[in-house]
């Protein structure tokens, strides 16, 4: 009975860990990078 309880606790912690990591993957970005848009090429390609 004790090993069944330990197995269920371990399974629960594994499931919680997987759910937490999936949530971290799919959460909205919290990056605060400036929006650069398209940057035109201004150098001489033949130089």
PDB file of N, CA and C in Angstrom:
ATOM      1  N   UNK A   1       0.826  -1.193   0.000  1.00  0.00           N
ATOM      2  CA  UNK A   1       0.000   0.000   0.000  1.00  0.00           C
ATOM      3  C   UNK A   1       0.870   1.257   0.000  1.00  0.00           C
ATOM      4  N   UNK A   2       1.988   1.177   0.709  1.00  0.00           N
ATOM      5  CA  UNK A   2       2.872   2.336   0.800  1.00  0.00           C
ATOM      6  C   UNK A   2       3.553   2.611  -0.535  1.00  0.00           C
ATOM      7  N   UNK A   3       3.915   1.562  -1.266  1.00  0.00           N
ATOM      8  CA  UNK A   3       4.566   1.764  -2.560  1.00  0.00           C
ATOM      9  C   UNK A   3       3.585   2.339  -3.575  1.00  0.00           C
ATOM     10  N   UNK A   4       2.309   1.967  -3.453  1.00  0.00           N
ATOM     11  CA  UNK A   4       1.299   2.533  -4.337  1.00  0.00           C
ATOM     12  C   UNK A   4       1.151   4.028  -4.083  1.00  0.00           C
ATOM     13  N   UNK A   5       1.171   4.415  -2.841  1.00  0.00           N
ATOM     14  CA  UNK A   5       1.059   5.831  -2.487  1.00  0.00           C
ATOM     15  C   UNK A   5       2.288   6.598  -2.991  1.00  0.00           C
ATOM     16  N   UNK A   6       3.467   6.011  -2.837  1.00  0.00           N
ATOM     17  CA  UNK A   6       4.690   6.661  -3.331  1.00  0.00           C
ATOM     18  C   UNK A   6       4.652   6.794  -4.850  1.00  0.00           C
ATOM     19  N   UNK A   7       4.174   5.769  -5.522  1.00  0.00           N
ATOM     20  CA  UNK A   7       4.074   5.813  -6.981  1.00  0.00           C
ATOM     21  C   UNK A   7       3.092   6.884  -7.433  1.00  0.00           C
ATOM     22  N   UNK A   8       1.985   7.000  -6.728  1.00  0.00           N
ATOM     23  CA  UNK A   8       0.998   8.026  -7.085  1.00  0.00           C
ATOM     24  C   UNK A   8       1.552   9.417  -6.830  1.00  0.00           C
ATOM     25  N   UNK A   9       2.291   9.595  -5.737  1.00  0.00           N
ATOM     26  CA  UNK A   9       2.910  10.895  -5.458  1.00  0.00           C
ATOM     27  C   UNK A   9       3.939  11.247  -6.532  1.00  0.00           C
ATOM     28  N   UNK A  10       4.729  10.267  -6.935  1.00  0.00           N
ATOM     29  CA  UNK A  10       5.731  10.494  -7.975  1.00  0.00           C
ATOM     30  C   UNK A  10       5.073  10.823  -9.299  1.00  0.00           C
ATOM     31  N   UNK A  11       4.008  10.101  -9.636  1.00  0.00           N
ATOM     32  CA  UNK A  11       3.276  10.376 -10.871  1.00  0.00           C
ATOM     33  C   UNK A  11       2.676  11.776 -10.836  1.00  0.00           C
ATOM     34  N   UNK A  12       2.130  12.163  -9.698  1.00  0.00           N
ATOM     35  CA  UNK A  12       1.566  13.500  -9.562  1.00  0.00           C
ATOM     36  C   UNK A  12       2.609  14.579  -9.729  1.00  0.00           C
ATOM     37  N   UNK A  13       3.807  14.366  -9.184  1.00  0.00           N
ATOM     38  CA  UNK A  13       4.857  15.377  -9.328  1.00  0.00           C
ATOM     39  C   UNK A  13       5.368  15.441 -10.762  1.00  0.00           C
ATOM     40  N   UNK A  14       5.414  14.316 -11.441  1.00  0.00           N
ATOM     41  CA  UNK A  14       5.838  14.310 -12.848  1.00  0.00           C
ATOM     42  C   UNK A  14       4.818  15.057 -13.702  1.00  0.00           C
ATOM     43  N   UNK A  15       3.545  14.789 -13.475  1.00  0.00           N
ATOM     44  CA  UNK A  15       2.495  15.472 -14.234  1.00  0.00           C
ATOM     45  C   UNK A  15       2.531  16.968 -13.961  1.00  0.00           C
ATOM     46  N   UNK A  16       2.717  17.356 -12.705  1.00  0.00           N
ATOM     47  CA  UNK A  16       2.786  18.779 -12.360  1.00  0.00           C
ATOM     48  C   UNK A  16       3.977  19.441 -13.036  1.00  0.00           C
ATOM     49  N   UNK A  17       5.099  18.751 -13.079  1.00  0.00           N
ATOM     50  CA  UNK A  17       6.289  19.305 -13.728  1.00  0.00           C
ATOM     51  C   UNK A  17       6.063  19.484 -15.228  1.00  0.00           C
ATOM     52  N   UNK A  18       5.452  18.498 -15.868  1.00  0.00           N
ATOM     53  CA  UNK A  18       5.180  18.580 -17.308  1.00  0.00           C
ATOM     54  C   UNK A  18       4.227  19.731 -17.606  1.00  0.00           C
ATOM     55  N   UNK A  19       3.173  19.858 -16.810  1.00  0.00           N
ATOM     56  CA  UNK A  19       2.202  20.927 -17.022  1.00  0.00           C
ATOM     57  C   UNK A  19       2.862  22.294 -16.815  1.00  0.00           C
ATOM     58  N   UNK A  20       3.717  22.406 -15.807  1.00  0.00           N
ATOM     59  CA  UNK A  20       4.410  23.673 -15.557  1.00  0.00           C
ATOM     60  C   UNK A  20       5.319  24.052 -16.725  1.00  0.00           C
ATOM     61  N   UNK A  21       6.048  23.088 -17.248  1.00  0.00           N
ATOM     62  CA  UNK A  21       6.945  23.383 -18.368  1.00  0.00           C
ATOM     63  C   UNK A  21       6.182  23.693 -19.647  1.00  0.00           C
ATOM     64  N   UNK A  22       5.078  23.023 -19.890  1.00  0.00           N
ATOM     65  CA  UNK A  22       4.251  23.344 -21.059  1.00  0.00           C
ATOM     66  C   UNK A  22       3.699  24.758 -20.921  1.00  0.00           C
ATOM     67  N   UNK A  23       3.278  25.118 -19.737  1.00  0.00           N
ATOM     68  CA  UNK A  23       2.791  26.475 -19.506  1.00  0.00           C
ATOM     69  C   UNK A  23       3.863  27.514 -19.727  1.00  0.00           C
ATOM     70  N   UNK A  24       5.092  27.188 -19.356  1.00  0.00           N
ATOM     71  CA  UNK A  24       6.195  28.134 -19.558  1.00  0.00           C
ATOM     72  C   UNK A  24       6.506  28.292 -21.046  1.00  0.00           C
ATOM     73  N   UNK A  25       6.361  27.227 -21.819  1.00  0.00           N
ATOM     74  CA  UNK A  25       6.625  27.303 -23.257  1.00  0.00           C
ATOM     75  C   UNK A  25       5.592  28.185 -23.952  1.00  0.00           C
ATOM     76  N   UNK A  26       4.328  28.048 -23.585  1.00  0.00           N
ATOM     77  CA  UNK A  26       3.262  28.714 -24.314  1.00  0.00           C
ATOM     78  C   UNK A  26       2.771  30.008 -23.674  1.00  0.00           C
ATOM     79  N   UNK A  27       3.468  30.515 -22.666  1.00  0.00           N
ATOM     80  CA  UNK A  27       3.035  31.777 -22.061  1.00  0.00           C
ATOM     81  C   UNK A  27       3.386  32.938 -22.989  1.00  0.00           C
ATOM     82  N   UNK A  28       2.706  34.061 -22.863  1.00  0.00           N
ATOM     83  CA  UNK A  28       3.028  35.213 -23.700  1.00  0.00           C
ATOM     84  C   UNK A  28       4.447  35.704 -23.445  1.00  0.00           C
ATOM     85  N   UNK A  29       5.036  36.281 -24.471  1.00  0.00           N
ATOM     86  CA  UNK A  29       6.399  36.797 -24.334  1.00  0.00           C
ATOM     87  C   UNK A  29       6.436  37.946 -23.344  1.00  0.00           C
ATOM     88  N   UNK A  30       7.489  37.999 -22.574  1.00  0.00           N
ATOM     89  CA  UNK A  30       7.708  39.139 -21.695  1.00  0.00           C
ATOM     90  C   UNK A  30       8.986  39.866 -22.112  1.00  0.00           C
ATOM     91  N   UNK A  31       9.356  39.673 -23.377  1.00  0.00           N
ATOM     92  CA  UNK A  31      10.526  40.362 -23.917  1.00  0.00           C
ATOM     93  C   UNK A  31      10.155  41.808 -24.212  1.00  0.00           C
ATOM     94  N   UNK A  32      11.049  42.714 -23.944  1.00  0.00           N
ATOM     95  CA  UNK A  32      10.786  44.128 -24.181  1.00  0.00           C
ATOM     96  C   UNK A  32      11.792  44.678 -25.195  1.00  0.00           C
ATOM     97  N   UNK A  33      11.883  44.001 -26.324  1.00  0.00           N
ATOM     98  CA  UNK A  33      12.785  44.449 -27.372  1.00  0.00           C
ATOM     99  C   UNK A  33      12.083  45.517 -28.210  1.00  0.00           C
ATOM    100  N   UNK A  34      12.828  46.517 -28.707  1.00  0.00           N
ATOM    101  CA  UNK A  34      12.185  47.524 -29.551  1.00  0.00           C
ATOM    102  C   UNK A  34      11.784  46.921 -30.901  1.00  0.00           C
ATOM    103  N   UNK A  35      10.677  47.387 -31.423  1.00  0.00           N
ATOM    104  CA  UNK A  35      10.230  46.925 -32.732  1.00  0.00           C
ATOM    105  C   UNK A  35      11.074  47.625 -33.790  1.00  0.00           C
ATOM    106  N   UNK A  36      11.830  46.858 -34.560  1.00  0.00           N
ATOM    107  CA  UNK A  36      12.735  47.462 -35.535  1.00  0.00           C
ATOM    108  C   UNK A  36      12.111  47.554 -36.914  1.00  0.00           C
ATOM    109  N   UNK A  37      11.263  46.625 -37.261  1.00  0.00           N
ATOM    110  CA  UNK A  37      10.678  46.629 -38.600  1.00  0.00           C
ATOM    111  C   UNK A  37      11.715  46.211 -39.633  1.00  0.00           C
ATOM    112  N   UNK A  38      11.507  46.614 -40.880  1.00  0.00           N
ATOM    113  CA  UNK A  38      12.419  46.282 -41.963  1.00  0.00           C
ATOM    114  C   UNK A  38      13.529  47.315 -41.987  1.00  0.00           C
ATOM    115  N   UNK A  39      14.768  46.832 -41.983  1.00  0.00           N
ATOM    116  CA  UNK A  39      15.920  47.727 -42.018  1.00  0.00           C
ATOM    117  C   UNK A  39      16.523  47.620 -43.420  1.00  0.00           C
ATOM    118  N   UNK A  40      16.488  48.703 -44.194  1.00  0.00           N
ATOM    119  CA  UNK A  40      17.020  48.629 -45.564  1.00  0.00           C
ATOM    120  C   UNK A  40      18.538  48.504 -45.556  1.00  0.00           C
ATOM    121  N   UNK A  41      19.047  47.857 -46.596  1.00  0.00           N
ATOM    122  CA  UNK A  41      20.492  47.704 -46.777  1.00  0.00           C
ATOM    123  C   UNK A  41      21.028  48.997 -47.339  1.00  0.00           C
ATOM    124  N   UNK A  42      21.977  49.644 -46.628  1.00  0.00           N
ATOM    125  CA  UNK A  42      22.459  50.965 -47.071  1.00  0.00           C
ATOM    126  C   UNK A  42      23.939  50.948 -47.438  1.00  0.00           C
ATOM    127  N   UNK A  43      24.583  49.798 -47.433  1.00  0.00           N
ATOM    128  CA  UNK A  43      26.005  49.733 -47.744  1.00  0.00           C
ATOM    129  C   UNK A  43      26.199  49.452 -49.237  1.00  0.00           C
ATOM    130  N   UNK A  44      27.388  49.719 -49.733  1.00  0.00           N
ATOM    131  CA  UNK A  44      27.720  49.467 -51.140  1.00  0.00           C
ATOM    132  C   UNK A  44      28.059  47.971 -51.276  1.00  0.00           C
ATOM    133  N   UNK A  45      27.250  47.188 -52.024  1.00  0.00           N
ATOM    134  CA  UNK A  45      27.512  45.748 -52.127  1.00  0.00           C
ATOM    135  C   UNK A  45      28.764  45.433 -52.947  1.00  0.00           C
ATOM    136  N   UNK A  46      29.287  46.396 -53.712  1.00  0.00           N
ATOM    137  CA  UNK A  46      30.461  46.140 -54.548  1.00  0.00           C
ATOM    138  C   UNK A  46      31.757  46.596 -53.866  1.00  0.00           C
ATOM    139  N   UNK A  47      31.688  47.024 -52.629  1.00  0.00           N
ATOM    140  CA  UNK A  47      32.890  47.525 -51.955  1.00  0.00           C
ATOM    141  C   UNK A  47      33.722  46.416 -51.408  1.00  0.00           C
TER     142      UNK A  47
END
